[in-house]
Every structure is written in structure tokens, then in C-alpha cells.
Amino acid sequence: MHIAVLSRNPNLYSTRRLKEAGEKRGHTVDIIDTLHCYMDITQNRPTVRYNGEELPTYDAIIPRIGASITFYGTAVVRQFEMMGTFCVNESVAISRSRDKLRSLQLLSRKGVGLPRTGFASKPDKIKDLVKNVGGAPLVIKLLEGTQGIGVVLADTNKAAEAIIEAFMGLKANILVQEYIAEAGGADIRCFVVGDKVVAAMKRQGAEGEFRSNLHRGGSATIVKLSREERATAVNAAKVMGLGVCGVDILQAKSGPVVMEVNSSPGLEGIEQATELDVADLIFAHIETNAKPNNTRTRGKG
């Protein structure tokens, strides 16, 4: 098969591993810089051009669309969809997962476990917003934040009110969520491919750090999931309509709750922690599902 990986940087671990795994299985794998693609939007024959030439007809596309280029990246993916190319993650699903508020609303509608969450633009009563989410300690998040950036823990109601006022003074969109203390600064990254969790790791935040992101000094170890945790991750991926994703869950007293669904999950941490060839499993999924005009977006909204 002829497969393209949409990635800004061919030297990233995830990009290199995808190329290696695909070629090992006998496929031809091209790495295409998403921002260097440009589109011929023609009624009868849509195409994608790159470096002055029309790209070939690919059997499948693996989008690795960074958060900073979501708008243009999803436009490129959508163009491939118009051409009938199988996309591991489709444009609508990527956009859906990138909008944290929208994704939480969709997950809530489908009954997926979530932490209690509040959202407001200019609440008349900030105290009521804090109280409605359950009071301090609270986690306050920027909607546009990634890798733990723009996430603040407020230990008291007064602190929460002050932080919310500060963010709103900057005209920032924020989420206010209950703090899951029993998680102990750890979360579980479930790597979903198709309809299965193929790998899972527990990420533990550094000492004194409530955020578990590996980019912030957290550590990762392999973890065995409960049946409920596995089902929660698969259901979250299905609601988002993603064929390949990372689902981050916390172990709360009420059961597993979803924090985020990532449409471009990194491979380095999960492969090193689990010693599994996750990249190879992605290509096995492509081999089973890559057919012309096979659109797979399963969620709605």
C-alpha cells in the first residue's frame, strides 16, 4: 500500500516510528509536511499539490496534526477525504476532539464518565460557578492549553475566584473542573486503535506536581486496565469518531472519568513504557480498513 503521514517534522519519534513500521510491513510510506500542501478545489477532480507537483493517490493517510495548525491541517485532511482516501482520523473527528468544551459535551451526552465541569464566559456570580462545581480544590484550564500548559490547581475558593477573574480579564476561555484527589497526581493514557485499547500506561506527576504530563517531568509505567476503564476509553474514542487516539482517564471514586481525548497521541512514551510496537498495530488497522471512500466518523456533533 502507498501511505502518507502528515507531519511537520520527519525527525519526531512518532513520525519516524510510523515510517519504520510501515516499511517493515512492506508499504511505501511518504512523510508530507502538512503546511506545505496546497489544494486544488475543483468540482470533478479535487487534488492536493506538494512541492509543485500533484500528490499521488494514496491508499491511506495518517494525520499527525499539531494543535497549532488544526484549522489548516483539518482542511488538508478534508481534501484527501474528498478524493476518497481512507484517513485514520477524519477531519471532523480531529476538530471535535481539539475543542475541549465540545468534546466534553459530546462525551456527557453519551454517558461517558467525566469530572464535574463548569464553563462560562462572563458569569454574574463567580462564587456560584465555583460552588456549582463542588468548591475547592479545583482545576482551572485554558481551553486552548496543551501538554499541561494553562492548567492551574486552586486550593481554596478564594484562590479559584481570583484565578478565574484573572483569566477572564485576559478574555480567555476556561473550564473549571473538580479535582480528583484520589488519583494522586496520576492518570492513565489508553491508546486506542480501532475498537480496542492496544496499550495503556500510568503517568505519575513529578513530586509536588499535580499534572502528570511526561513533558512536565512525569514518569510512565505499564498498567493493567479494569474492564470498566477499557470500556470507557473505547467508548470515548467512538464518541469522538477517532480510529487512533489517546484517551486520558483518572481513577475516581465513582469510576473512571475522561480528562481528554487526543487525536495525535505520541508514540514514544507508550512504546517505551509498555514495550509494545504500537506503530505496527496502527498499520495492521489500516490494512484491515483502508478501502476507497471508507469514511469512518462515528460520532455526531
C-alpha atoms as a PDB file:
ATOM      1  CA  MET A   1       0.000   0.000   0.000  1.00  0.00           C
ATOM      2  CA  HIS A   2       1.028   3.617  -0.544  1.00  0.00           C
ATOM      3  CA  ILE A   3       0.513   5.571   2.685  1.00  0.00           C
ATOM      4  CA  ALA A   4       1.248   9.158   3.684  1.00  0.00           C
ATOM      5  CA  VAL A   5       1.987  10.505   7.150  1.00  0.00           C
ATOM      6  CA  LEU A   6       1.010  14.163   7.536  1.00  0.00           C
ATOM      7  CA  SER A   7       3.659  15.588   9.872  1.00  0.00           C
ATOM      8  CA  ARG A   8       5.543  18.873  10.192  1.00  0.00           C
ATOM      9  CA  ASN A   9       8.740  17.175  11.345  1.00  0.00           C
ATOM     10  CA  PRO A  10      10.118  13.901   9.907  1.00  0.00           C
ATOM     11  CA  ASN A  11      12.567  13.627  12.815  1.00  0.00           C
ATOM     12  CA  LEU A  12       9.936  13.343  15.544  1.00  0.00           C
ATOM     13  CA  TYR A  13       9.894   9.958  17.266  1.00  0.00           C
ATOM     14  CA  SER A  14       6.276   9.231  16.311  1.00  0.00           C
ATOM     15  CA  THR A  15       6.816  10.152  12.657  1.00  0.00           C
ATOM     16  CA  ARG A  16       9.991   8.077  12.379  1.00  0.00           C
ATOM     17  CA  ARG A  17       8.357   5.073  14.031  1.00  0.00           C
ATOM     18  CA  LEU A  18       5.364   5.196  11.706  1.00  0.00           C
ATOM     19  CA  LYS A  19       7.601   5.252   8.648  1.00  0.00           C
ATOM     20  CA  GLU A  20       9.748   2.414  10.013  1.00  0.00           C
ATOM     21  CA  ALA A  21       6.760   0.260  10.955  1.00  0.00           C
ATOM     22  CA  GLY A  22       5.002   0.787   7.647  1.00  0.00           C
ATOM     23  CA  GLU A  23       8.065  -0.020   5.564  1.00  0.00           C
ATOM     24  CA  LYS A  24       8.750  -3.081   7.703  1.00  0.00           C
ATOM     25  CA  ARG A  25       5.297  -4.368   6.716  1.00  0.00           C
ATOM     26  CA  GLY A  26       6.110  -3.797   3.033  1.00  0.00           C
ATOM     27  CA  HIS A  27       4.313  -0.482   2.488  1.00  0.00           C
ATOM     28  CA  THR A  28       5.595   2.670   0.819  1.00  0.00           C
ATOM     29  CA  VAL A  29       5.387   5.490   3.377  1.00  0.00           C
ATOM     30  CA  ASP A  30       5.763   9.169   2.456  1.00  0.00           C
ATOM     31  CA  ILE A  31       6.133  11.933   5.045  1.00  0.00           C
ATOM     32  CA  ILE A  32       4.302  15.062   3.929  1.00  0.00           C
ATOM     33  CA  ASP A  33       4.653  18.443   5.640  1.00  0.00           C
ATOM     34  CA  THR A  34       1.033  19.463   6.180  1.00  0.00           C
ATOM     35  CA  LEU A  35       1.614  23.207   5.839  1.00  0.00           C
ATOM     36  CA  HIS A  36       3.385  22.756   2.502  1.00  0.00           C
ATOM     37  CA  CYS A  37       0.333  21.083   0.979  1.00  0.00           C
ATOM     38  CA  TYR A  38      -1.946  23.211  -1.128  1.00  0.00           C
ATOM     39  CA  MET A  39      -5.273  22.248  -2.597  1.00  0.00           C
ATOM     40  CA  ASP A  40      -6.994  22.407  -5.950  1.00  0.00           C
ATOM     41  CA  ILE A  41     -10.637  22.544  -5.002  1.00  0.00           C
ATOM     42  CA  THR A  42     -12.277  21.505  -8.254  1.00  0.00           C
ATOM     43  CA  GLN A  43     -15.795  20.108  -8.566  1.00  0.00           C
ATOM     44  CA  ASN A  44     -14.948  16.961 -10.509  1.00  0.00           C
ATOM     45  CA  ARG A  45     -11.336  16.330  -9.550  1.00  0.00           C
ATOM     46  CA  PRO A  46     -10.099  17.633  -6.181  1.00  0.00           C
ATOM     47  CA  THR A  47      -6.353  17.244  -5.696  1.00  0.00           C
ATOM     48  CA  VAL A  48      -3.574  18.012  -3.225  1.00  0.00           C
ATOM     49  CA  ARG A  49      -0.335  19.513  -4.515  1.00  0.00           C
ATOM     50  CA  TYR A  50       3.056  19.460  -2.789  1.00  0.00           C
ATOM     51  CA  ASN A  51       6.370  20.989  -3.819  1.00  0.00           C
ATOM     52  CA  GLY A  52       4.964  21.967  -7.208  1.00  0.00           C
ATOM     53  CA  GLU A  53       3.544  18.557  -8.063  1.00  0.00           C
ATOM     54  CA  GLU A  54       0.260  16.751  -7.658  1.00  0.00           C
ATOM     55  CA  LEU A  55       0.462  14.132  -4.919  1.00  0.00           C
ATOM     56  CA  PRO A  56      -0.203  10.524  -5.944  1.00  0.00           C
ATOM     57  CA  THR A  57      -3.346   8.642  -4.991  1.00  0.00           C
ATOM     58  CA  TYR A  58      -2.711   7.247  -1.527  1.00  0.00           C
ATOM     59  CA  ASP A  59      -4.362   4.186  -0.034  1.00  0.00           C
ATOM     60  CA  ALA A  60      -4.396   5.802   3.400  1.00  0.00           C
ATOM     61  CA  ILE A  61      -3.453   8.952   5.290  1.00  0.00           C
ATOM     62  CA  ILE A  62      -2.166   9.086   8.869  1.00  0.00           C
ATOM     63  CA  PRO A  63      -2.770  12.654  10.099  1.00  0.00           C
ATOM     64  CA  ARG A  64      -0.378  13.939  12.757  1.00  0.00           C
ATOM     65  CA  ILE A  65      -1.962  17.374  13.078  1.00  0.00           C
ATOM     66  CA  GLY A  66      -0.495  19.558  15.817  1.00  0.00           C
ATOM     67  CA  ALA A  67      -2.798  21.772  17.862  1.00  0.00           C
ATOM     68  CA  SER A  68      -1.271  24.954  16.429  1.00  0.00           C
ATOM     69  CA  ILE A  69      -2.277  24.035  12.849  1.00  0.00           C
ATOM     70  CA  THR A  70      -5.665  22.441  13.478  1.00  0.00           C
ATOM     71  CA  PHE A  71      -7.566  24.715  11.066  1.00  0.00           C
ATOM     72  CA  TYR A  72      -5.278  24.238   8.067  1.00  0.00           C
ATOM     73  CA  GLY A  73      -4.403  20.652   8.947  1.00  0.00           C
ATOM     74  CA  THR A  74      -8.024  19.528   9.021  1.00  0.00           C
ATOM     75  CA  ALA A  75      -8.619  21.335   5.706  1.00  0.00           C
ATOM     76  CA  VAL A  76      -5.865  19.204   4.136  1.00  0.00           C
ATOM     77  CA  VAL A  77      -7.302  16.026   5.653  1.00  0.00           C
ATOM     78  CA  ARG A  78     -10.757  17.007   4.376  1.00  0.00           C
ATOM     79  CA  GLN A  79      -9.330  17.401   0.857  1.00  0.00           C
ATOM     80  CA  PHE A  80      -7.992  13.839   0.971  1.00  0.00           C
ATOM     81  CA  GLU A  81     -11.418  12.687   2.155  1.00  0.00           C
ATOM     82  CA  MET A  82     -12.982  14.408  -0.879  1.00  0.00           C
ATOM     83  CA  MET A  83     -10.590  12.388  -3.026  1.00  0.00           C
ATOM     84  CA  GLY A  84     -11.891   9.168  -1.435  1.00  0.00           C
ATOM     85  CA  THR A  85      -8.709   8.431   0.540  1.00  0.00           C
ATOM     86  CA  PHE A  86      -9.040   6.476   3.781  1.00  0.00           C
ATOM     87  CA  CYS A  87      -7.957   8.666   6.695  1.00  0.00           C
ATOM     88  CA  VAL A  88      -7.067   7.035  10.005  1.00  0.00           C
ATOM     89  CA  ASN A  89      -8.588  10.052  11.744  1.00  0.00           C
ATOM     90  CA  GLU A  90     -11.013  12.181   9.784  1.00  0.00           C
ATOM     91  CA  SER A  91     -11.188  15.969   9.745  1.00  0.00           C
ATOM     92  CA  VAL A  92     -14.451  16.269  11.672  1.00  0.00           C
ATOM     93  CA  ALA A  93     -13.218  13.917  14.394  1.00  0.00           C
ATOM     94  CA  ILE A  94      -9.917  15.795  14.768  1.00  0.00           C
ATOM     95  CA  SER A  95     -11.717  19.146  15.048  1.00  0.00           C
ATOM     96  CA  ARG A  96     -14.202  17.683  17.504  1.00  0.00           C
ATOM     97  CA  SER A  97     -11.507  16.342  19.818  1.00  0.00           C
ATOM     98  CA  ARG A  98      -9.490  19.582  19.684  1.00  0.00           C
ATOM     99  CA  ASP A  99     -12.426  21.591  21.036  1.00  0.00           C
ATOM    100  CA  LYS A 100     -12.256  20.612  24.714  1.00  0.00           C
ATOM    101  CA  LEU A 101     -15.658  22.040  25.541  1.00  0.00           C
ATOM    102  CA  ARG A 102     -17.373  20.420  22.567  1.00  0.00           C
ATOM    103  CA  SER A 103     -15.741  17.062  23.256  1.00  0.00           C
ATOM    104  CA  LEU A 104     -16.835  17.117  26.903  1.00  0.00           C
ATOM    105  CA  GLN A 105     -20.390  17.992  25.874  1.00  0.00           C
ATOM    106  CA  LEU A 106     -20.462  15.091  23.410  1.00  0.00           C
ATOM    107  CA  LEU A 107     -18.998  12.651  25.934  1.00  0.00           C
ATOM    108  CA  SER A 108     -21.517  13.805  28.541  1.00  0.00           C
ATOM    109  CA  ARG A 109     -24.399  13.313  26.118  1.00  0.00           C
ATOM    110  CA  LYS A 110     -23.304   9.720  25.531  1.00  0.00           C
ATOM    111  CA  GLY A 111     -22.974   8.956  29.249  1.00  0.00           C
ATOM    112  CA  VAL A 112     -19.167   8.682  29.384  1.00  0.00           C
ATOM    113  CA  GLY A 113     -17.797   9.354  32.888  1.00  0.00           C
ATOM    114  CA  LEU A 114     -16.427  12.878  33.346  1.00  0.00           C
ATOM    115  CA  PRO A 115     -15.241  15.057  36.229  1.00  0.00           C
ATOM    116  CA  ARG A 116     -17.798  17.663  37.244  1.00  0.00           C
ATOM    117  CA  THR A 117     -17.144  20.605  34.910  1.00  0.00           C
ATOM    118  CA  GLY A 118     -18.261  24.220  34.601  1.00  0.00           C
ATOM    119  CA  PHE A 119     -17.858  26.647  31.720  1.00  0.00           C
ATOM    120  CA  ALA A 120     -18.806  30.306  31.486  1.00  0.00           C
ATOM    121  CA  SER A 121     -17.890  33.401  29.539  1.00  0.00           C
ATOM    122  CA  LYS A 122     -18.845  36.174  31.973  1.00  0.00           C
ATOM    123  CA  PRO A 123     -20.646  34.656  34.941  1.00  0.00           C
ATOM    124  CA  ASP A 124     -22.512  37.168  37.070  1.00  0.00           C
ATOM    125  CA  LYS A 125     -21.589  35.176  40.132  1.00  0.00           C
ATOM    126  CA  ILE A 126     -18.106  33.616  40.053  1.00  0.00           C
ATOM    127  CA  LYS A 127     -18.708  32.292  43.560  1.00  0.00           C
ATOM    128  CA  ASP A 128     -21.725  30.357  42.281  1.00  0.00           C
ATOM    129  CA  LEU A 129     -19.675  28.891  39.416  1.00  0.00           C
ATOM    130  CA  VAL A 130     -17.076  27.656  41.917  1.00  0.00           C
ATOM    131  CA  LYS A 131     -19.751  26.327  44.273  1.00  0.00           C
ATOM    132  CA  ASN A 132     -21.639  24.542  41.479  1.00  0.00           C
ATOM    133  CA  VAL A 133     -18.555  22.538  40.504  1.00  0.00           C
ATOM    134  CA  GLY A 134     -18.149  21.442  44.112  1.00  0.00           C
ATOM    135  CA  GLY A 135     -15.806  24.023  45.558  1.00  0.00           C
ATOM    136  CA  ALA A 136     -12.041  23.922  46.098  1.00  0.00           C
ATOM    137  CA  PRO A 137      -9.749  22.318  45.363  1.00  0.00           C
ATOM    138  CA  LEU A 138     -10.497  22.974  41.700  1.00  0.00           C
ATOM    139  CA  VAL A 139      -8.624  22.628  38.420  1.00  0.00           C
ATOM    140  CA  ILE A 140      -8.895  25.616  36.086  1.00  0.00           C
ATOM    141  CA  LYS A 141      -7.921  25.033  32.448  1.00  0.00           C
ATOM    142  CA  LEU A 142      -7.456  27.168  29.385  1.00  0.00           C
ATOM    143  CA  LEU A 143      -9.490  25.682  26.538  1.00  0.00           C
ATOM    144  CA  GLU A 144      -6.546  26.141  24.176  1.00  0.00           C
ATOM    145  CA  GLY A 145      -3.892  24.681  26.509  1.00  0.00           C
ATOM    146  CA  THR A 146      -1.785  21.620  25.623  1.00  0.00           C
ATOM    147  CA  GLN A 147       0.747  19.419  27.449  1.00  0.00           C
ATOM    148  CA  GLY A 148      -0.344  20.766  30.815  1.00  0.00           C
ATOM    149  CA  ILE A 149       0.197  24.417  29.877  1.00  0.00           C
ATOM    150  CA  GLY A 150      -2.608  26.673  31.095  1.00  0.00           C
ATOM    151  CA  VAL A 151      -3.741  24.276  33.843  1.00  0.00           C
ATOM    152  CA  VAL A 152      -3.868  25.631  37.404  1.00  0.00           C
ATOM    153  CA  LEU A 153      -4.844  23.985  40.700  1.00  0.00           C
ATOM    154  CA  ALA A 154      -6.696  26.272  43.121  1.00  0.00           C
ATOM    155  CA  ASP A 155      -6.543  25.065  46.727  1.00  0.00           C
ATOM    156  CA  THR A 156      -9.199  27.413  48.099  1.00  0.00           C
ATOM    157  CA  ASN A 157     -12.394  29.017  46.840  1.00  0.00           C
ATOM    158  CA  LYS A 158     -10.800  32.453  47.174  1.00  0.00           C
ATOM    159  CA  ALA A 159      -7.851  31.373  45.058  1.00  0.00           C
ATOM    160  CA  ALA A 160     -10.197  29.831  42.476  1.00  0.00           C
ATOM    161  CA  GLU A 161     -12.216  33.042  42.238  1.00  0.00           C
ATOM    162  CA  ALA A 162      -9.071  35.135  41.824  1.00  0.00           C
ATOM    163  CA  ILE A 163      -7.664  32.857  39.088  1.00  0.00           C
ATOM    164  CA  ILE A 164     -10.980  32.818  37.215  1.00  0.00           C
ATOM    165  CA  GLU A 165     -11.186  36.607  37.389  1.00  0.00           C
ATOM    166  CA  ALA A 166      -7.621  36.890  36.101  1.00  0.00           C
ATOM    167  CA  PHE A 167      -8.251  34.566  33.143  1.00  0.00           C
ATOM    168  CA  MET A 168     -11.467  36.360  32.290  1.00  0.00           C
ATOM    169  CA  GLY A 169      -9.657  39.674  32.455  1.00  0.00           C
ATOM    170  CA  LEU A 170      -7.467  38.299  29.671  1.00  0.00           C
ATOM    171  CA  LYS A 171     -10.624  37.263  27.763  1.00  0.00           C
ATOM    172  CA  ALA A 172      -9.541  33.621  27.928  1.00  0.00           C
ATOM    173  CA  ASN A 173     -11.972  30.718  27.625  1.00  0.00           C
ATOM    174  CA  ILE A 174     -11.655  28.400  30.611  1.00  0.00           C
ATOM    175  CA  LEU A 175     -13.027  25.200  32.087  1.00  0.00           C
ATOM    176  CA  VAL A 176     -13.450  24.741  35.822  1.00  0.00           C
ATOM    177  CA  GLN A 177     -13.309  21.121  36.988  1.00  0.00           C
ATOM    178  CA  GLU A 178     -13.424  19.239  40.246  1.00  0.00           C
ATOM    179  CA  TYR A 179     -10.063  17.998  41.459  1.00  0.00           C
ATOM    180  CA  ILE A 180      -9.898  14.198  41.651  1.00  0.00           C
ATOM    181  CA  ALA A 181      -7.729  13.957  44.758  1.00  0.00           C
ATOM    182  CA  GLU A 182      -7.829  10.151  44.912  1.00  0.00           C
ATOM    183  CA  ALA A 183      -5.974   9.984  41.570  1.00  0.00           C
ATOM    184  CA  GLY A 184      -2.878  11.160  43.457  1.00  0.00           C
ATOM    185  CA  GLY A 185      -1.439  13.193  40.602  1.00  0.00           C
ATOM    186  CA  ALA A 186      -1.606  10.246  38.215  1.00  0.00           C
ATOM    187  CA  ASP A 187      -3.644   9.467  35.124  1.00  0.00           C
ATOM    188  CA  ILE A 188      -3.894   6.605  32.654  1.00  0.00           C
ATOM    189  CA  ARG A 189      -3.209   7.037  28.949  1.00  0.00           C
ATOM    190  CA  CYS A 190      -5.161   4.462  26.964  1.00  0.00           C
ATOM    191  CA  PHE A 191      -4.008   4.089  23.375  1.00  0.00           C
ATOM    192  CA  VAL A 192      -6.988   3.121  21.248  1.00  0.00           C
ATOM    193  CA  VAL A 193      -6.671   1.687  17.740  1.00  0.00           C
ATOM    194  CA  GLY A 194      -9.936   0.838  16.016  1.00  0.00           C
ATOM    195  CA  ASP A 195     -12.244  -0.538  18.665  1.00  0.00           C
ATOM    196  CA  LYS A 196      -9.595  -1.784  21.103  1.00  0.00           C
ATOM    197  CA  VAL A 197      -7.221  -0.433  23.713  1.00  0.00           C
ATOM    198  CA  VAL A 198      -3.913  -1.781  22.397  1.00  0.00           C
ATOM    199  CA  ALA A 199      -1.674  -0.295  25.111  1.00  0.00           C
ATOM    200  CA  ALA A 200      -2.010   1.578  28.389  1.00  0.00           C
ATOM    201  CA  MET A 201       0.377   3.350  30.742  1.00  0.00           C
ATOM    202  CA  LYS A 202       0.034   5.071  34.081  1.00  0.00           C
ATOM    203  CA  ARG A 203       1.589   8.532  34.145  1.00  0.00           C
ATOM    204  CA  GLN A 204       2.642   9.861  37.526  1.00  0.00           C
ATOM    205  CA  GLY A 205       3.360  13.545  38.024  1.00  0.00           C
ATOM    206  CA  ALA A 206       6.703  14.653  39.423  1.00  0.00           C
ATOM    207  CA  GLU A 207       6.893  15.240  43.167  1.00  0.00           C
ATOM    208  CA  GLY A 208       4.804  18.265  44.094  1.00  0.00           C
ATOM    209  CA  GLU A 209       3.231  18.383  40.607  1.00  0.00           C
ATOM    210  CA  PHE A 210      -0.468  17.577  40.123  1.00  0.00           C
ATOM    211  CA  ARG A 211      -0.117  17.412  36.311  1.00  0.00           C
ATOM    212  CA  SER A 212       1.006  14.025  35.029  1.00  0.00           C
ATOM    213  CA  ASN A 213       2.240  15.091  31.581  1.00  0.00           C
ATOM    214  CA  LEU A 214       5.522  13.453  30.588  1.00  0.00           C
ATOM    215  CA  HIS A 215       6.582  16.810  29.088  1.00  0.00           C
ATOM    216  CA  ARG A 216       6.474  18.207  32.637  1.00  0.00           C
ATOM    217  CA  GLY A 217       8.746  15.589  34.173  1.00  0.00           C
ATOM    218  CA  GLY A 218       6.184  12.866  34.843  1.00  0.00           C
ATOM    219  CA  SER A 219       7.058   9.169  34.716  1.00  0.00           C
ATOM    220  CA  ALA A 220       5.254   6.327  32.960  1.00  0.00           C
ATOM    221  CA  THR A 221       4.781   2.635  33.744  1.00  0.00           C
ATOM    222  CA  ILE A 222       2.716  -0.117  32.167  1.00  0.00           C
ATOM    223  CA  VAL A 223      -0.688  -0.633  33.778  1.00  0.00           C
ATOM    224  CA  LYS A 224      -3.379  -3.290  33.599  1.00  0.00           C
ATOM    225  CA  LEU A 225      -6.794  -1.803  32.945  1.00  0.00           C
ATOM    226  CA  SER A 226     -10.033  -2.832  34.558  1.00  0.00           C
ATOM    227  CA  ARG A 227     -12.914  -3.823  32.293  1.00  0.00           C
ATOM    228  CA  GLU A 228     -14.642  -0.520  33.103  1.00  0.00           C
ATOM    229  CA  GLU A 229     -11.559   1.542  32.297  1.00  0.00           C
ATOM    230  CA  ARG A 230     -11.110  -0.270  28.980  1.00  0.00           C
ATOM    231  CA  ALA A 231     -14.771   0.231  28.046  1.00  0.00           C
ATOM    232  CA  THR A 232     -14.623   3.919  28.991  1.00  0.00           C
ATOM    233  CA  ALA A 233     -11.623   4.511  26.712  1.00  0.00           C
ATOM    234  CA  VAL A 234     -13.169   2.672  23.759  1.00  0.00           C
ATOM    235  CA  ASN A 235     -16.494   4.476  24.187  1.00  0.00           C
ATOM    236  CA  ALA A 236     -14.753   7.873  24.333  1.00  0.00           C
ATOM    237  CA  ALA A 237     -12.880   7.133  21.082  1.00  0.00           C
ATOM    238  CA  LYS A 238     -16.129   6.012  19.464  1.00  0.00           C
ATOM    239  CA  VAL A 239     -17.979   9.178  20.513  1.00  0.00           C
ATOM    240  CA  MET A 240     -15.186  11.305  19.028  1.00  0.00           C
ATOM    241  CA  GLY A 241     -15.156   9.208  15.859  1.00  0.00           C
ATOM    242  CA  LEU A 242     -11.396   8.606  16.067  1.00  0.00           C
ATOM    243  CA  GLY A 243      -9.707   5.487  14.708  1.00  0.00           C
ATOM    244  CA  VAL A 244      -6.437   6.146  16.554  1.00  0.00           C
ATOM    245  CA  CYS A 245      -6.285   8.234  19.716  1.00  0.00           C
ATOM    246  CA  GLY A 246      -5.052   8.567  23.260  1.00  0.00           C
ATOM    247  CA  VAL A 247      -7.737   8.669  25.943  1.00  0.00           C
ATOM    248  CA  ASP A 248      -6.631  10.110  29.288  1.00  0.00           C
ATOM    249  CA  ILE A 249      -8.623   8.909  32.291  1.00  0.00           C
ATOM    250  CA  LEU A 250      -8.466   9.407  36.040  1.00  0.00           C
ATOM    251  CA  GLN A 251      -9.331   6.769  38.607  1.00  0.00           C
ATOM    252  CA  ALA A 252     -12.054   8.482  40.632  1.00  0.00           C
ATOM    253  CA  LYS A 253     -14.123   7.049  43.483  1.00  0.00           C
ATOM    254  CA  SER A 254     -17.134   6.967  41.176  1.00  0.00           C
ATOM    255  CA  GLY A 255     -15.190   5.080  38.500  1.00  0.00           C
ATOM    256  CA  PRO A 256     -13.019   6.111  35.555  1.00  0.00           C
ATOM    257  CA  VAL A 257     -13.515   9.662  34.261  1.00  0.00           C
ATOM    258  CA  VAL A 258     -12.217  11.004  30.954  1.00  0.00           C
ATOM    259  CA  MET A 259      -9.999  14.084  31.025  1.00  0.00           C
ATOM    260  CA  GLU A 260      -9.138  14.365  27.345  1.00  0.00           C
ATOM    261  CA  VAL A 261      -9.181  12.536  24.007  1.00  0.00           C
ATOM    262  CA  ASN A 262      -6.039  13.214  21.949  1.00  0.00           C
ATOM    263  CA  SER A 263      -6.254  12.747  18.167  1.00  0.00           C
ATOM    264  CA  SER A 264      -2.448  12.831  17.693  1.00  0.00           C
ATOM    265  CA  PRO A 265      -1.089  10.837  20.645  1.00  0.00           C
ATOM    266  CA  GLY A 266       2.667  10.466  20.876  1.00  0.00           C
ATOM    267  CA  LEU A 267       4.181   7.012  20.474  1.00  0.00           C
ATOM    268  CA  GLU A 268       7.416   7.431  22.420  1.00  0.00           C
ATOM    269  CA  GLY A 269       6.049   7.313  25.964  1.00  0.00           C
ATOM    270  CA  ILE A 270       3.572   4.495  25.375  1.00  0.00           C
ATOM    271  CA  GLU A 271       6.029   2.306  23.429  1.00  0.00           C
ATOM    272  CA  GLN A 272       8.803   2.749  25.983  1.00  0.00           C
ATOM    273  CA  ALA A 273       6.537   2.138  28.969  1.00  0.00           C
ATOM    274  CA  THR A 274       4.777  -0.913  27.524  1.00  0.00           C
ATOM    275  CA  GLU A 275       7.498  -2.258  25.186  1.00  0.00           C
ATOM    276  CA  LEU A 276       4.751  -2.758  22.589  1.00  0.00           C
ATOM    277  CA  ASP A 277       5.073  -1.942  18.884  1.00  0.00           C
ATOM    278  CA  VAL A 278       2.100   0.419  18.756  1.00  0.00           C
ATOM    279  CA  ALA A 279       3.120   1.813  15.362  1.00  0.00           C
ATOM    280  CA  ASP A 280       2.859  -1.686  13.882  1.00  0.00           C
ATOM    281  CA  LEU A 281      -0.658  -2.066  15.308  1.00  0.00           C
ATOM    282  CA  ILE A 282      -1.720   1.153  13.579  1.00  0.00           C
ATOM    283  CA  PHE A 283      -0.659  -0.284  10.212  1.00  0.00           C
ATOM    284  CA  ALA A 284      -2.474  -3.537  10.939  1.00  0.00           C
ATOM    285  CA  HIS A 285      -5.603  -1.412  11.474  1.00  0.00           C
ATOM    286  CA  ILE A 286      -5.011   0.390   8.165  1.00  0.00           C
ATOM    287  CA  GLU A 287      -4.580  -2.893   6.280  1.00  0.00           C
ATOM    288  CA  THR A 288      -7.967  -4.061   7.537  1.00  0.00           C
ATOM    289  CA  ASN A 289      -9.891  -0.846   6.958  1.00  0.00           C
ATOM    290  CA  ALA A 290      -8.259   1.125   4.140  1.00  0.00           C
ATOM    291  CA  LYS A 291     -10.688   0.992   1.254  1.00  0.00           C
ATOM    292  CA  PRO A 292     -11.601   3.831  -1.146  1.00  0.00           C
ATOM    293  CA  ASN A 293     -14.412   6.048   0.141  1.00  0.00           C
ATOM    294  CA  ASN A 294     -14.447   4.262   3.518  1.00  0.00           C
ATOM    295  CA  THR A 295     -15.440   7.076   5.832  1.00  0.00           C
ATOM    296  CA  ARG A 296     -15.485   6.074   9.437  1.00  0.00           C
ATOM    297  CA  THR A 297     -16.537   9.074  11.507  1.00  0.00           C
ATOM    298  CA  ARG A 298     -18.885   7.534  14.016  1.00  0.00           C
ATOM    299  CA  GLY A 299     -19.717  10.342  16.407  1.00  0.00           C
ATOM    300  CA  LYS A 300     -22.116  13.202  15.848  1.00  0.00           C
ATOM    301  CA  GLY A 301     -21.967  16.919  16.531  1.00  0.00           C
END
